[in-house]
Every structure is written in C-alpha cells, then in structure tokens.
Amino acid sequence: MHLSAKLLALVAVLACAAVLVAPAAANVPPLRGPSQSCKEMKWAYINRIKVQKVGCKEARGVIVRYTRLMNKRLQHDWEITIRGWTCDLTGRDYYGDSHRCRASGGRAISFRRGTH
C-alpha cells in the first residue's frame, strides 16, 4: 500500500513536469508564400489569424462557420469542409489548438483557438 502511494506521487510529478516542459504556446504552422495578419476575434478566443490570397472578412466568415460546425458536431480532430474550404486541426497544446483551412487557387487561412 505504501509503495502504491509513492508510485502515484511519482506519476503526478512526472505529469506536471511534462506540462511545464511543453512549449507554452505552439505556433500555427506557417503558410507558404506571402501572408497577412488579420484582426483577432477575441470574443471567440481566436487569434493569430493569417491569410493568403483571401480577404480578412471572408476569412472571419470561414472561421466562424468552421468553429460553429466543429462545436455542434463535437468534432475536433478531423477535416470539415465548408463552402469549398477544407479545414483541419493542425496542433494542440495546453492553451488551445491550431487550425488551417485551404481552398482552391492557393487560398489559405491559419489561426489559433484558445487563451493565448
């Protein structure tokens, strides 16, 4: 019984260490070619919005539709297609997750959902 308590304490310490060693805020994978930043959508906890060959207004619309559909379906880890845009989860960390949407003509949107 005493050994089990020590083992449990060791597992807890290792789990805490893993969280502390992990990067604090993973970067959204970069887009290929020139891109521009768009205004954050703080009300939806969406930040680091980068677009390529698409306007910020259209990007915000795609992000909102994608986020609503993802929440509605409780779907967080596979592709969702919205109006010709294919969006996917590209990474997760303690503070949130990174996403990328792609469409024809080299159009692309990348963004983060979360607190940082």
PDB file of N, CA and C in Angstrom:
ATOM      1  N   MET A   1       0.820  -1.192   0.000  1.00  0.00           N
ATOM      2  CA  MET A   1       0.000   0.000   0.000  1.00  0.00           C
ATOM      3  C   MET A   1       0.866   1.259   0.000  1.00  0.00           C
ATOM      4  N   HIS A   2       1.921   1.266   0.788  1.00  0.00           N
ATOM      5  CA  HIS A   2       2.817   2.412   0.862  1.00  0.00           C
ATOM      6  C   HIS A   2       3.535   2.626  -0.471  1.00  0.00           C
ATOM      7  N   LEU A   3       3.878   1.543  -1.145  1.00  0.00           N
ATOM      8  CA  LEU A   3       4.533   1.626  -2.452  1.00  0.00           C
ATOM      9  C   LEU A   3       3.598   2.238  -3.497  1.00  0.00           C
ATOM     10  N   SER A   4       2.305   1.922  -3.443  1.00  0.00           N
ATOM     11  CA  SER A   4       1.333   2.471  -4.388  1.00  0.00           C
ATOM     12  C   SER A   4       1.230   3.994  -4.248  1.00  0.00           C
ATOM     13  N   ALA A   5       1.272   4.486  -3.031  1.00  0.00           N
ATOM     14  CA  ALA A   5       1.192   5.926  -2.801  1.00  0.00           C
ATOM     15  C   ALA A   5       2.419   6.625  -3.380  1.00  0.00           C
ATOM     16  N   LYS A   6       3.590   6.032  -3.216  1.00  0.00           N
ATOM     17  CA  LYS A   6       4.811   6.611  -3.774  1.00  0.00           C
ATOM     18  C   LYS A   6       4.768   6.600  -5.295  1.00  0.00           C
ATOM     19  N   LEU A   7       4.278   5.518  -5.872  1.00  0.00           N
ATOM     20  CA  LEU A   7       4.170   5.408  -7.319  1.00  0.00           C
ATOM     21  C   LEU A   7       3.195   6.443  -7.872  1.00  0.00           C
ATOM     22  N   LEU A   8       2.080   6.607  -7.194  1.00  0.00           N
ATOM     23  CA  LEU A   8       1.093   7.604  -7.610  1.00  0.00           C
ATOM     24  C   LEU A   8       1.682   9.016  -7.539  1.00  0.00           C
ATOM     25  N   ALA A   9       2.438   9.302  -6.474  1.00  0.00           N
ATOM     26  CA  ALA A   9       3.071  10.611  -6.344  1.00  0.00           C
ATOM     27  C   ALA A   9       4.090  10.839  -7.454  1.00  0.00           C
ATOM     28  N   LEU A  10       4.853   9.808  -7.806  1.00  0.00           N
ATOM     29  CA  LEU A  10       5.830   9.916  -8.882  1.00  0.00           C
ATOM     30  C   LEU A  10       5.148  10.192 -10.222  1.00  0.00           C
ATOM     31  N   VAL A  11       4.056   9.516 -10.497  1.00  0.00           N
ATOM     32  CA  VAL A  11       3.310   9.734 -11.739  1.00  0.00           C
ATOM     33  C   VAL A  11       2.784  11.163 -11.790  1.00  0.00           C
ATOM     34  N   ALA A  12       2.273  11.669 -10.675  1.00  0.00           N
ATOM     35  CA  ALA A  12       1.761  13.042 -10.627  1.00  0.00           C
ATOM     36  C   ALA A  12       2.875  14.052 -10.889  1.00  0.00           C
ATOM     37  N   VAL A  13       4.050  13.841 -10.304  1.00  0.00           N
ATOM     38  CA  VAL A  13       5.174  14.742 -10.513  1.00  0.00           C
ATOM     39  C   VAL A  13       5.620  14.714 -11.972  1.00  0.00           C
ATOM     40  N   LEU A  14       5.691  13.523 -12.564  1.00  0.00           N
ATOM     41  CA  LEU A  14       6.088  13.407 -13.970  1.00  0.00           C
ATOM     42  C   LEU A  14       5.080  14.081 -14.897  1.00  0.00           C
ATOM     43  N   ALA A  15       3.798  13.958 -14.591  1.00  0.00           N
ATOM     44  CA  ALA A  15       2.768  14.604 -15.414  1.00  0.00           C
ATOM     45  C   ALA A  15       2.906  16.124 -15.343  1.00  0.00           C
ATOM     46  N   CYS A  16       3.145  16.666 -14.151  1.00  0.00           N
ATOM     47  CA  CYS A  16       3.336  18.114 -14.005  1.00  0.00           C
ATOM     48  C   CYS A  16       4.583  18.575 -14.745  1.00  0.00           C
ATOM     49  N   ALA A  17       5.639  17.794 -14.674  1.00  0.00           N
ATOM     50  CA  ALA A  17       6.873  18.152 -15.369  1.00  0.00           C
ATOM     51  C   ALA A  17       6.664  18.167 -16.873  1.00  0.00           C
ATOM     52  N   ALA A  18       5.878  17.226 -17.394  1.00  0.00           N
ATOM     53  CA  ALA A  18       5.617  17.178 -18.835  1.00  0.00           C
ATOM     54  C   ALA A  18       4.882  18.426 -19.293  1.00  0.00           C
ATOM     55  N   VAL A  19       3.951  18.915 -18.490  1.00  0.00           N
ATOM     56  CA  VAL A  19       3.215  20.134 -18.841  1.00  0.00           C
ATOM     57  C   VAL A  19       4.144  21.335 -18.823  1.00  0.00           C
ATOM     58  N   LEU A  20       5.043  21.402 -17.863  1.00  0.00           N
ATOM     59  CA  LEU A  20       5.950  22.533 -17.751  1.00  0.00           C
ATOM     60  C   LEU A  20       7.011  22.540 -18.840  1.00  0.00           C
ATOM     61  N   VAL A  21       7.421  21.368 -19.292  1.00  0.00           N
ATOM     62  CA  VAL A  21       8.451  21.278 -20.318  1.00  0.00           C
ATOM     63  C   VAL A  21       7.886  21.567 -21.700  1.00  0.00           C
ATOM     64  N   ALA A  22       6.607  21.271 -21.924  1.00  0.00           N
ATOM     65  CA  ALA A  22       5.974  21.502 -23.229  1.00  0.00           C
ATOM     66  C   ALA A  22       6.003  22.989 -23.550  1.00  0.00           C
ATOM     67  N   PRO A  23       6.077  23.361 -24.840  1.00  0.00           N
ATOM     68  CA  PRO A  23       6.085  24.779 -25.202  1.00  0.00           C
ATOM     69  C   PRO A  23       4.814  25.467 -24.731  1.00  0.00           C
ATOM     70  N   ALA A  24       4.962  26.683 -24.259  1.00  0.00           N
ATOM     71  CA  ALA A  24       3.837  27.419 -23.686  1.00  0.00           C
ATOM     72  C   ALA A  24       2.751  27.701 -24.710  1.00  0.00           C
ATOM     73  N   ALA A  25       3.104  28.062 -25.921  1.00  0.00           N
ATOM     74  CA  ALA A  25       2.118  28.360 -26.950  1.00  0.00           C
ATOM     75  C   ALA A  25       2.685  27.934 -28.294  1.00  0.00           C
ATOM     76  N   ALA A  26       2.168  26.843 -28.792  1.00  0.00           N
ATOM     77  CA  ALA A  26       2.667  26.352 -30.080  1.00  0.00           C
ATOM     78  C   ALA A  26       2.278  27.316 -31.188  1.00  0.00           C
ATOM     79  N   ASN A  27       3.143  27.457 -32.154  1.00  0.00           N
ATOM     80  CA  ASN A  27       2.865  28.344 -33.275  1.00  0.00           C
ATOM     81  C   ASN A  27       2.004  27.636 -34.303  1.00  0.00           C
ATOM     82  N   VAL A  28       1.187  28.395 -34.976  1.00  0.00           N
ATOM     83  CA  VAL A  28       0.419  27.870 -36.093  1.00  0.00           C
ATOM     84  C   VAL A  28       1.415  27.579 -37.214  1.00  0.00           C
ATOM     85  N   PRO A  29       1.337  26.404 -37.848  1.00  0.00           N
ATOM     86  CA  PRO A  29       2.263  26.125 -38.947  1.00  0.00           C
ATOM     87  C   PRO A  29       2.207  27.236 -39.989  1.00  0.00           C
ATOM     88  N   PRO A  30       3.360  27.695 -40.465  1.00  0.00           N
ATOM     89  CA  PRO A  30       3.377  28.838 -41.382  1.00  0.00           C
ATOM     90  C   PRO A  30       2.752  28.512 -42.729  1.00  0.00           C
ATOM     91  N   LEU A  31       2.170  29.531 -43.330  1.00  0.00           N
ATOM     92  CA  LEU A  31       1.645  29.395 -44.678  1.00  0.00           C
ATOM     93  C   LEU A  31       2.794  29.527 -45.657  1.00  0.00           C
ATOM     94  N   ARG A  32       2.679  28.882 -46.782  1.00  0.00           N
ATOM     95  CA  ARG A  32       3.701  29.020 -47.823  1.00  0.00           C
ATOM     96  C   ARG A  32       3.446  30.300 -48.595  1.00  0.00           C
ATOM     97  N   GLY A  33       4.494  31.049 -48.832  1.00  0.00           N
ATOM     98  CA  GLY A  33       4.354  32.294 -49.583  1.00  0.00           C
ATOM     99  C   GLY A  33       3.952  33.446 -48.691  1.00  0.00           C
ATOM    100  N   PRO A  34       3.721  34.617 -49.308  1.00  0.00           N
ATOM    101  CA  PRO A  34       3.389  35.811 -48.526  1.00  0.00           C
ATOM    102  C   PRO A  34       2.005  35.695 -47.887  1.00  0.00           C
ATOM    103  N   SER A  35       1.897  36.172 -46.669  1.00  0.00           N
ATOM    104  CA  SER A  35       0.601  36.150 -45.975  1.00  0.00           C
ATOM    105  C   SER A  35       0.443  37.456 -45.213  1.00  0.00           C
ATOM    106  N   GLN A  36      -0.785  37.724 -44.779  1.00  0.00           N
ATOM    107  CA  GLN A  36      -1.038  38.924 -43.987  1.00  0.00           C
ATOM    108  C   GLN A  36      -1.802  38.533 -42.735  1.00  0.00           C
ATOM    109  N   SER A  37      -1.654  39.322 -41.702  1.00  0.00           N
ATOM    110  CA  SER A  37      -2.347  39.082 -40.438  1.00  0.00           C
ATOM    111  C   SER A  37      -3.690  39.786 -40.455  1.00  0.00           C
ATOM    112  N   CYS A  38      -4.643  39.204 -39.771  1.00  0.00           N
ATOM    113  CA  CYS A  38      -5.968  39.815 -39.628  1.00  0.00           C
ATOM    114  C   CYS A  38      -6.232  40.082 -38.152  1.00  0.00           C
ATOM    115  N   LYS A  39      -7.204  40.949 -37.907  1.00  0.00           N
ATOM    116  CA  LYS A  39      -7.583  41.310 -36.556  1.00  0.00           C
ATOM    117  C   LYS A  39      -8.084  40.082 -35.799  1.00  0.00           C
ATOM    118  N   GLU A  40      -7.701  39.980 -34.521  1.00  0.00           N
ATOM    119  CA  GLU A  40      -8.133  38.863 -33.684  1.00  0.00           C
ATOM    120  C   GLU A  40      -9.638  38.917 -33.442  1.00  0.00           C
ATOM    121  N   MET A  41     -10.213  37.761 -33.188  1.00  0.00           N
ATOM    122  CA  MET A  41     -11.630  37.664 -32.839  1.00  0.00           C
ATOM    123  C   MET A  41     -11.691  37.287 -31.361  1.00  0.00           C
ATOM    124  N   LYS A  42     -11.418  38.264 -30.495  1.00  0.00           N
ATOM    125  CA  LYS A  42     -11.286  37.994 -29.063  1.00  0.00           C
ATOM    126  C   LYS A  42     -12.558  37.417 -28.460  1.00  0.00           C
ATOM    127  N   TRP A  43     -13.705  37.804 -28.960  1.00  0.00           N
ATOM    128  CA  TRP A  43     -14.969  37.311 -28.430  1.00  0.00           C
ATOM    129  C   TRP A  43     -15.100  35.793 -28.612  1.00  0.00           C
ATOM    130  N   ALA A  44     -14.375  35.226 -29.576  1.00  0.00           N
ATOM    131  CA  ALA A  44     -14.428  33.779 -29.835  1.00  0.00           C
ATOM    132  C   ALA A  44     -13.118  33.091 -29.446  1.00  0.00           C
ATOM    133  N   TYR A  45     -12.220  33.807 -28.777  1.00  0.00           N
ATOM    134  CA  TYR A  45     -10.910  33.279 -28.390  1.00  0.00           C
ATOM    135  C   TYR A  45     -10.117  32.789 -29.604  1.00  0.00           C
ATOM    136  N   ILE A  46     -10.200  33.527 -30.700  1.00  0.00           N
ATOM    137  CA  ILE A  46      -9.480  33.182 -31.924  1.00  0.00           C
ATOM    138  C   ILE A  46      -8.444  34.270 -32.179  1.00  0.00           C
ATOM    139  N   ASN A  47      -7.187  33.838 -32.364  1.00  0.00           N
ATOM    140  CA  ASN A  47      -6.110  34.798 -32.566  1.00  0.00           C
ATOM    141  C   ASN A  47      -5.107  34.258 -33.574  1.00  0.00           C
ATOM    142  N   ARG A  48      -4.076  35.037 -33.832  1.00  0.00           N
ATOM    143  CA  ARG A  48      -3.019  34.693 -34.792  1.00  0.00           C
ATOM    144  C   ARG A  48      -3.592  34.288 -36.149  1.00  0.00           C
ATOM    145  N   ILE A  49      -4.539  35.070 -36.636  1.00  0.00           N
ATOM    146  CA  ILE A  49      -5.164  34.780 -37.926  1.00  0.00           C
ATOM    147  C   ILE A  49      -4.232  35.254 -39.038  1.00  0.00           C
ATOM    148  N   LYS A  50      -3.854  34.342 -39.897  1.00  0.00           N
ATOM    149  CA  LYS A  50      -3.007  34.650 -41.058  1.00  0.00           C
ATOM    150  C   LYS A  50      -3.756  34.186 -42.306  1.00  0.00           C
ATOM    151  N   VAL A  51      -3.750  35.026 -43.338  1.00  0.00           N
ATOM    152  CA  VAL A  51      -4.459  34.684 -44.576  1.00  0.00           C
ATOM    153  C   VAL A  51      -3.516  34.811 -45.762  1.00  0.00           C
ATOM    154  N   GLN A  52      -3.834  34.051 -46.786  1.00  0.00           N
ATOM    155  CA  GLN A  52      -3.073  34.100 -48.031  1.00  0.00           C
ATOM    156  C   GLN A  52      -4.058  34.028 -49.189  1.00  0.00           C
ATOM    157  N   LYS A  53      -4.027  35.041 -50.037  1.00  0.00           N
ATOM    158  CA  LYS A  53      -4.880  35.142 -51.220  1.00  0.00           C
ATOM    159  C   LYS A  53      -6.374  35.151 -50.876  1.00  0.00           C
ATOM    160  N   VAL A  54      -6.704  35.688 -49.708  1.00  0.00           N
ATOM    161  CA  VAL A  54      -8.105  35.826 -49.298  1.00  0.00           C
ATOM    162  C   VAL A  54      -8.198  37.029 -48.362  1.00  0.00           C
ATOM    163  N   GLY A  55      -9.338  37.711 -48.379  1.00  0.00           N
ATOM    164  CA  GLY A  55      -9.534  38.869 -47.514  1.00  0.00           C
ATOM    165  C   GLY A  55      -9.870  38.472 -46.093  1.00  0.00           C
ATOM    166  N   CYS A  56      -9.616  39.377 -45.177  1.00  0.00           N
ATOM    167  CA  CYS A  56      -9.874  39.108 -43.761  1.00  0.00           C
ATOM    168  C   CYS A  56     -11.356  38.899 -43.475  1.00  0.00           C
ATOM    169  N   LYS A  57     -12.216  39.632 -44.167  1.00  0.00           N
ATOM    170  CA  LYS A  57     -13.661  39.493 -43.941  1.00  0.00           C
ATOM    171  C   LYS A  57     -14.119  38.079 -44.294  1.00  0.00           C
ATOM    172  N   GLU A  58     -13.690  37.573 -45.455  1.00  0.00           N
ATOM    173  CA  GLU A  58     -14.056  36.213 -45.840  1.00  0.00           C
ATOM    174  C   GLU A  58     -13.446  35.198 -44.867  1.00  0.00           C
ATOM    175  N   ALA A  59     -12.213  35.443 -44.445  1.00  0.00           N
ATOM    176  CA  ALA A  59     -11.543  34.538 -43.502  1.00  0.00           C
ATOM    177  C   ALA A  59     -12.318  34.451 -42.191  1.00  0.00           C
ATOM    178  N   ARG A  60     -12.761  35.584 -41.675  1.00  0.00           N
ATOM    179  CA  ARG A  60     -13.538  35.572 -40.428  1.00  0.00           C
ATOM    180  C   ARG A  60     -14.824  34.772 -40.595  1.00  0.00           C
ATOM    181  N   GLY A  61     -15.483  34.913 -41.749  1.00  0.00           N
ATOM    182  CA  GLY A  61     -16.703  34.138 -42.007  1.00  0.00           C
ATOM    183  C   GLY A  61     -16.440  32.641 -42.026  1.00  0.00           C
ATOM    184  N   VAL A  62     -15.354  32.239 -42.669  1.00  0.00           N
ATOM    185  CA  VAL A  62     -14.998  30.809 -42.726  1.00  0.00           C
ATOM    186  C   VAL A  62     -14.680  30.299 -41.325  1.00  0.00           C
ATOM    187  N   ILE A  63     -13.924  31.081 -40.565  1.00  0.00           N
ATOM    188  CA  ILE A  63     -13.553  30.671 -39.211  1.00  0.00           C
ATOM    189  C   ILE A  63     -14.784  30.512 -38.331  1.00  0.00           C
ATOM    190  N   VAL A  64     -15.718  31.454 -38.407  1.00  0.00           N
ATOM    191  CA  VAL A  64     -16.940  31.376 -37.592  1.00  0.00           C
ATOM    192  C   VAL A  64     -17.758  30.147 -37.973  1.00  0.00           C
ATOM    193  N   ARG A  65     -17.953  29.916 -39.278  1.00  0.00           N
ATOM    194  CA  ARG A  65     -18.722  28.742 -39.701  1.00  0.00           C
ATOM    195  C   ARG A  65     -18.038  27.448 -39.275  1.00  0.00           C
ATOM    196  N   TYR A  66     -16.726  27.391 -39.441  1.00  0.00           N
ATOM    197  CA  TYR A  66     -15.957  26.203 -39.060  1.00  0.00           C
ATOM    198  C   TYR A  66     -16.076  25.950 -37.555  1.00  0.00           C
ATOM    199  N   THR A  67     -15.902  26.990 -36.755  1.00  0.00           N
ATOM    200  CA  THR A  67     -15.959  26.843 -35.304  1.00  0.00           C
ATOM    201  C   THR A  67     -17.344  26.406 -34.849  1.00  0.00           C
ATOM    202  N   ARG A  68     -18.383  27.000 -35.418  1.00  0.00           N
ATOM    203  CA  ARG A  68     -19.750  26.618 -35.035  1.00  0.00           C
ATOM    204  C   ARG A  68     -20.046  25.161 -35.400  1.00  0.00           C
ATOM    205  N   LEU A  69     -19.633  24.759 -36.602  1.00  0.00           N
ATOM    206  CA  LEU A  69     -19.871  23.385 -37.028  1.00  0.00           C
ATOM    207  C   LEU A  69     -19.066  22.405 -36.184  1.00  0.00           C
ATOM    208  N   MET A  70     -17.847  22.760 -35.874  1.00  0.00           N
ATOM    209  CA  MET A  70     -16.996  21.904 -35.056  1.00  0.00           C
ATOM    210  C   MET A  70     -17.611  21.728 -33.667  1.00  0.00           C
ATOM    211  N   ASN A  71     -18.106  22.800 -33.078  1.00  0.00           N
ATOM    212  CA  ASN A  71     -18.728  22.719 -31.756  1.00  0.00           C
ATOM    213  C   ASN A  71     -20.050  21.959 -31.807  1.00  0.00           C
ATOM    214  N   LYS A  72     -20.816  22.166 -32.863  1.00  0.00           N
ATOM    215  CA  LYS A  72     -22.105  21.497 -32.998  1.00  0.00           C
ATOM    216  C   LYS A  72     -21.929  19.986 -33.096  1.00  0.00           C
ATOM    217  N   ARG A  73     -20.930  19.564 -33.861  1.00  0.00           N
ATOM    218  CA  ARG A  73     -20.696  18.130 -34.055  1.00  0.00           C
ATOM    219  C   ARG A  73     -19.774  17.531 -33.007  1.00  0.00           C
ATOM    220  N   LEU A  74     -19.257  18.375 -32.117  1.00  0.00           N
ATOM    221  CA  LEU A  74     -18.240  17.946 -31.154  1.00  0.00           C
ATOM    222  C   LEU A  74     -17.096  17.258 -31.884  1.00  0.00           C
ATOM    223  N   GLN A  75     -16.744  17.831 -32.997  1.00  0.00           N
ATOM    224  CA  GLN A  75     -15.728  17.269 -33.887  1.00  0.00           C
ATOM    225  C   GLN A  75     -14.499  18.165 -33.840  1.00  0.00           C
ATOM    226  N   HIS A  76     -13.396  17.650 -33.324  1.00  0.00           N
ATOM    227  CA  HIS A  76     -12.227  18.493 -33.135  1.00  0.00           C
ATOM    228  C   HIS A  76     -10.976  17.964 -33.798  1.00  0.00           C
ATOM    229  N   ASP A  77     -11.000  16.788 -34.356  1.00  0.00           N
ATOM    230  CA  ASP A  77      -9.726  16.230 -34.788  1.00  0.00           C
ATOM    231  C   ASP A  77      -9.728  15.624 -36.191  1.00  0.00           C
ATOM    232  N   TRP A  78     -10.698  15.973 -37.022  1.00  0.00           N
ATOM    233  CA  TRP A  78     -10.625  15.561 -38.421  1.00  0.00           C
ATOM    234  C   TRP A  78     -11.210  16.642 -39.309  1.00  0.00           C
ATOM    235  N   GLU A  79     -11.090  16.467 -40.598  1.00  0.00           N
ATOM    236  CA  GLU A  79     -11.445  17.524 -41.565  1.00  0.00           C
ATOM    237  C   GLU A  79     -12.926  17.871 -41.568  1.00  0.00           C
ATOM    238  N   ILE A  80     -13.178  19.155 -41.797  1.00  0.00           N
ATOM    239  CA  ILE A  80     -14.529  19.661 -42.024  1.00  0.00           C
ATOM    240  C   ILE A  80     -14.465  20.516 -43.286  1.00  0.00           C
ATOM    241  N   THR A  81     -15.397  20.306 -44.209  1.00  0.00           N
ATOM    242  CA  THR A  81     -15.450  21.101 -45.435  1.00  0.00           C
ATOM    243  C   THR A  81     -16.630  22.056 -45.351  1.00  0.00           C
ATOM    244  N   ILE A  82     -16.343  23.348 -45.593  1.00  0.00           N
ATOM    245  CA  ILE A  82     -17.349  24.397 -45.533  1.00  0.00           C
ATOM    246  C   ILE A  82     -17.221  25.260 -46.772  1.00  0.00           C
ATOM    247  N   ARG A  83     -18.257  25.296 -47.599  1.00  0.00           N
ATOM    248  CA  ARG A  83     -18.308  26.168 -48.778  1.00  0.00           C
ATOM    249  C   ARG A  83     -17.000  26.170 -49.579  1.00  0.00           C
ATOM    250  N   GLY A  84     -16.464  25.001 -49.856  1.00  0.00           N
ATOM    251  CA  GLY A  84     -15.255  24.895 -50.653  1.00  0.00           C
ATOM    252  C   GLY A  84     -13.955  25.015 -49.869  1.00  0.00           C
ATOM    253  N   TRP A  85     -14.033  25.267 -48.584  1.00  0.00           N
ATOM    254  CA  TRP A  85     -12.860  25.342 -47.719  1.00  0.00           C
ATOM    255  C   TRP A  85     -12.751  24.035 -46.944  1.00  0.00           C
ATOM    256  N   THR A  86     -11.571  23.453 -46.923  1.00  0.00           N
ATOM    257  CA  THR A  86     -11.309  22.252 -46.130  1.00  0.00           C
ATOM    258  C   THR A  86     -10.471  22.672 -44.930  1.00  0.00           C
ATOM    259  N   CYS A  87     -11.036  22.510 -43.749  1.00  0.00           N
ATOM    260  CA  CYS A  87     -10.384  22.949 -42.515  1.00  0.00           C
ATOM    261  C   CYS A  87     -10.008  21.740 -41.676  1.00  0.00           C
ATOM    262  N   ASP A  88      -8.894  21.881 -40.956  1.00  0.00           N
ATOM    263  CA  ASP A  88      -8.386  20.761 -40.191  1.00  0.00           C
ATOM    264  C   ASP A  88      -7.622  21.258 -38.969  1.00  0.00           C
ATOM    265  N   LEU A  89      -7.605  20.446 -37.940  1.00  0.00           N
ATOM    266  CA  LEU A  89      -6.803  20.695 -36.753  1.00  0.00           C
ATOM    267  C   LEU A  89      -5.353  20.374 -37.083  1.00  0.00           C
ATOM    268  N   THR A  90      -4.435  21.290 -36.786  1.00  0.00           N
ATOM    269  CA  THR A  90      -3.024  21.046 -37.105  1.00  0.00           C
ATOM    270  C   THR A  90      -2.155  20.884 -35.868  1.00  0.00           C
ATOM    271  N   GLY A  91      -2.664  21.221 -34.698  1.00  0.00           N
ATOM    272  CA  GLY A  91      -1.871  21.061 -33.481  1.00  0.00           C
ATOM    273  C   GLY A  91      -2.647  21.435 -32.237  1.00  0.00           C
ATOM    274  N   ARG A  92      -2.219  20.862 -31.122  1.00  0.00           N
ATOM    275  CA  ARG A  92      -2.840  21.158 -29.828  1.00  0.00           C
ATOM    276  C   ARG A  92      -1.764  21.395 -28.796  1.00  0.00           C
ATOM    277  N   ASP A  93      -2.095  22.200 -27.802  1.00  0.00           N
ATOM    278  CA  ASP A  93      -1.227  22.366 -26.653  1.00  0.00           C
ATOM    279  C   ASP A  93      -2.102  22.721 -25.451  1.00  0.00           C
ATOM    280  N   TYR A  94      -1.458  23.021 -24.352  1.00  0.00           N
ATOM    281  CA  TYR A  94      -2.168  23.279 -23.103  1.00  0.00           C
ATOM    282  C   TYR A  94      -3.140  24.450 -23.210  1.00  0.00           C
ATOM    283  N   TYR A  95      -2.813  25.471 -24.007  1.00  0.00           N
ATOM    284  CA  TYR A  95      -3.600  26.694 -24.062  1.00  0.00           C
ATOM    285  C   TYR A  95      -4.639  26.733 -25.179  1.00  0.00           C
ATOM    286  N   GLY A  96      -4.611  25.822 -26.116  1.00  0.00           N
ATOM    287  CA  GLY A  96      -5.571  25.859 -27.214  1.00  0.00           C
ATOM    288  C   GLY A  96      -5.150  24.961 -28.351  1.00  0.00           C
ATOM    289  N   ASP A  97      -5.643  25.268 -29.535  1.00  0.00           N
ATOM    290  CA  ASP A  97      -5.313  24.445 -30.693  1.00  0.00           C
ATOM    291  C   ASP A  97      -5.143  25.303 -31.941  1.00  0.00           C
ATOM    292  N   SER A  98      -4.446  24.745 -32.918  1.00  0.00           N
ATOM    293  CA  SER A  98      -4.150  25.440 -34.168  1.00  0.00           C
ATOM    294  C   SER A  98      -4.930  24.789 -35.300  1.00  0.00           C
ATOM    295  N   HIS A  99      -5.387  25.618 -36.235  1.00  0.00           N
ATOM    296  CA  HIS A  99      -6.193  25.131 -37.351  1.00  0.00           C
ATOM    297  C   HIS A  99      -5.713  25.742 -38.655  1.00  0.00           C
ATOM    298  N   ARG A 100      -5.998  25.050 -39.745  1.00  0.00           N
ATOM    299  CA  ARG A 100      -5.680  25.565 -41.080  1.00  0.00           C
ATOM    300  C   ARG A 100      -6.838  25.218 -42.007  1.00  0.00           C
ATOM    301  N   CYS A 101      -7.221  26.188 -42.831  1.00  0.00           N
ATOM    302  CA  CYS A 101      -8.241  25.984 -43.855  1.00  0.00           C
ATOM    303  C   CYS A 101      -7.609  26.267 -45.211  1.00  0.00           C
ATOM    304  N   ARG A 102      -7.938  25.443 -46.195  1.00  0.00           N
ATOM    305  CA  ARG A 102      -7.395  25.600 -47.546  1.00  0.00           C
ATOM    306  C   ARG A 102      -8.528  25.539 -48.564  1.00  0.00           C
ATOM    307  N   ALA A 103      -8.331  26.262 -49.670  1.00  0.00           N
ATOM    308  CA  ALA A 103      -9.296  26.259 -50.765  1.00  0.00           C
ATOM    309  C   ALA A 103      -8.519  26.335 -52.073  1.00  0.00           C
ATOM    310  N   SER A 104      -9.245  26.249 -53.173  1.00  0.00           N
ATOM    311  CA  SER A 104      -8.604  26.284 -54.493  1.00  0.00           C
ATOM    312  C   SER A 104      -7.881  27.607 -54.714  1.00  0.00           C
ATOM    313  N   GLY A 105      -6.960  27.598 -55.661  1.00  0.00           N
ATOM    314  CA  GLY A 105      -6.236  28.820 -56.007  1.00  0.00           C
ATOM    315  C   GLY A 105      -5.176  29.215 -54.993  1.00  0.00           C
ATOM    316  N   GLY A 106      -4.775  28.293 -54.132  1.00  0.00           N
ATOM    317  CA  GLY A 106      -3.745  28.601 -53.152  1.00  0.00           C
ATOM    318  C   GLY A 106      -4.230  29.455 -51.992  1.00  0.00           C
ATOM    319  N   ARG A 107      -5.544  29.566 -51.824  1.00  0.00           N
ATOM    320  CA  ARG A 107      -6.086  30.351 -50.715  1.00  0.00           C
ATOM    321  C   ARG A 107      -5.917  29.561 -49.422  1.00  0.00           C
ATOM    322  N   ALA A 108      -5.538  30.252 -48.356  1.00  0.00           N
ATOM    323  CA  ALA A 108      -5.295  29.570 -47.089  1.00  0.00           C
ATOM    324  C   ALA A 108      -5.560  30.520 -45.908  1.00  0.00           C
ATOM    325  N   ILE A 109      -6.004  29.917 -44.810  1.00  0.00           N
ATOM    326  CA  ILE A 109      -6.248  30.636 -43.546  1.00  0.00           C
ATOM    327  C   ILE A 109      -5.657  29.766 -42.456  1.00  0.00           C
ATOM    328  N   SER A 110      -4.894  30.357 -41.557  1.00  0.00           N
ATOM    329  CA  SER A 110      -4.446  29.637 -40.368  1.00  0.00           C
ATOM    330  C   SER A 110      -4.765  30.489 -39.160  1.00  0.00           C
ATOM    331  N   PHE A 111      -5.104  29.819 -38.043  1.00  0.00           N
ATOM    332  CA  PHE A 111      -5.472  30.549 -36.843  1.00  0.00           C
ATOM    333  C   PHE A 111      -5.361  29.636 -35.621  1.00  0.00           C
ATOM    334  N   ARG A 112      -5.414  30.277 -34.444  1.00  0.00           N
ATOM    335  CA  ARG A 112      -5.402  29.554 -33.176  1.00  0.00           C
ATOM    336  C   ARG A 112      -6.693  29.822 -32.431  1.00  0.00           C
ATOM    337  N   ARG A 113      -7.164  28.794 -31.753  1.00  0.00           N
ATOM    338  CA  ARG A 113      -8.304  28.927 -30.841  1.00  0.00           C
ATOM    339  C   ARG A 113      -7.778  28.644 -29.453  1.00  0.00           C
ATOM    340  N   GLY A 114      -8.047  29.524 -28.522  1.00  0.00           N
ATOM    341  CA  GLY A 114      -7.603  29.300 -27.156  1.00  0.00           C
ATOM    342  C   GLY A 114      -7.297  30.608 -26.453  1.00  0.00           C
ATOM    343  N   THR A 115      -6.715  30.489 -25.285  1.00  0.00           N
ATOM    344  CA  THR A 115      -6.490  31.660 -24.458  1.00  0.00           C
ATOM    345  C   THR A 115      -5.218  32.423 -24.793  1.00  0.00           C
ATOM    346  N   HIS A 116      -4.273  31.813 -25.512  1.00  0.00           N
ATOM    347  CA  HIS A 116      -3.021  32.501 -25.859  1.00  0.00           C
ATOM    348  C   HIS A 116      -2.780  32.431 -27.341  1.00  0.00           C
TER     349      HIS A 116
END
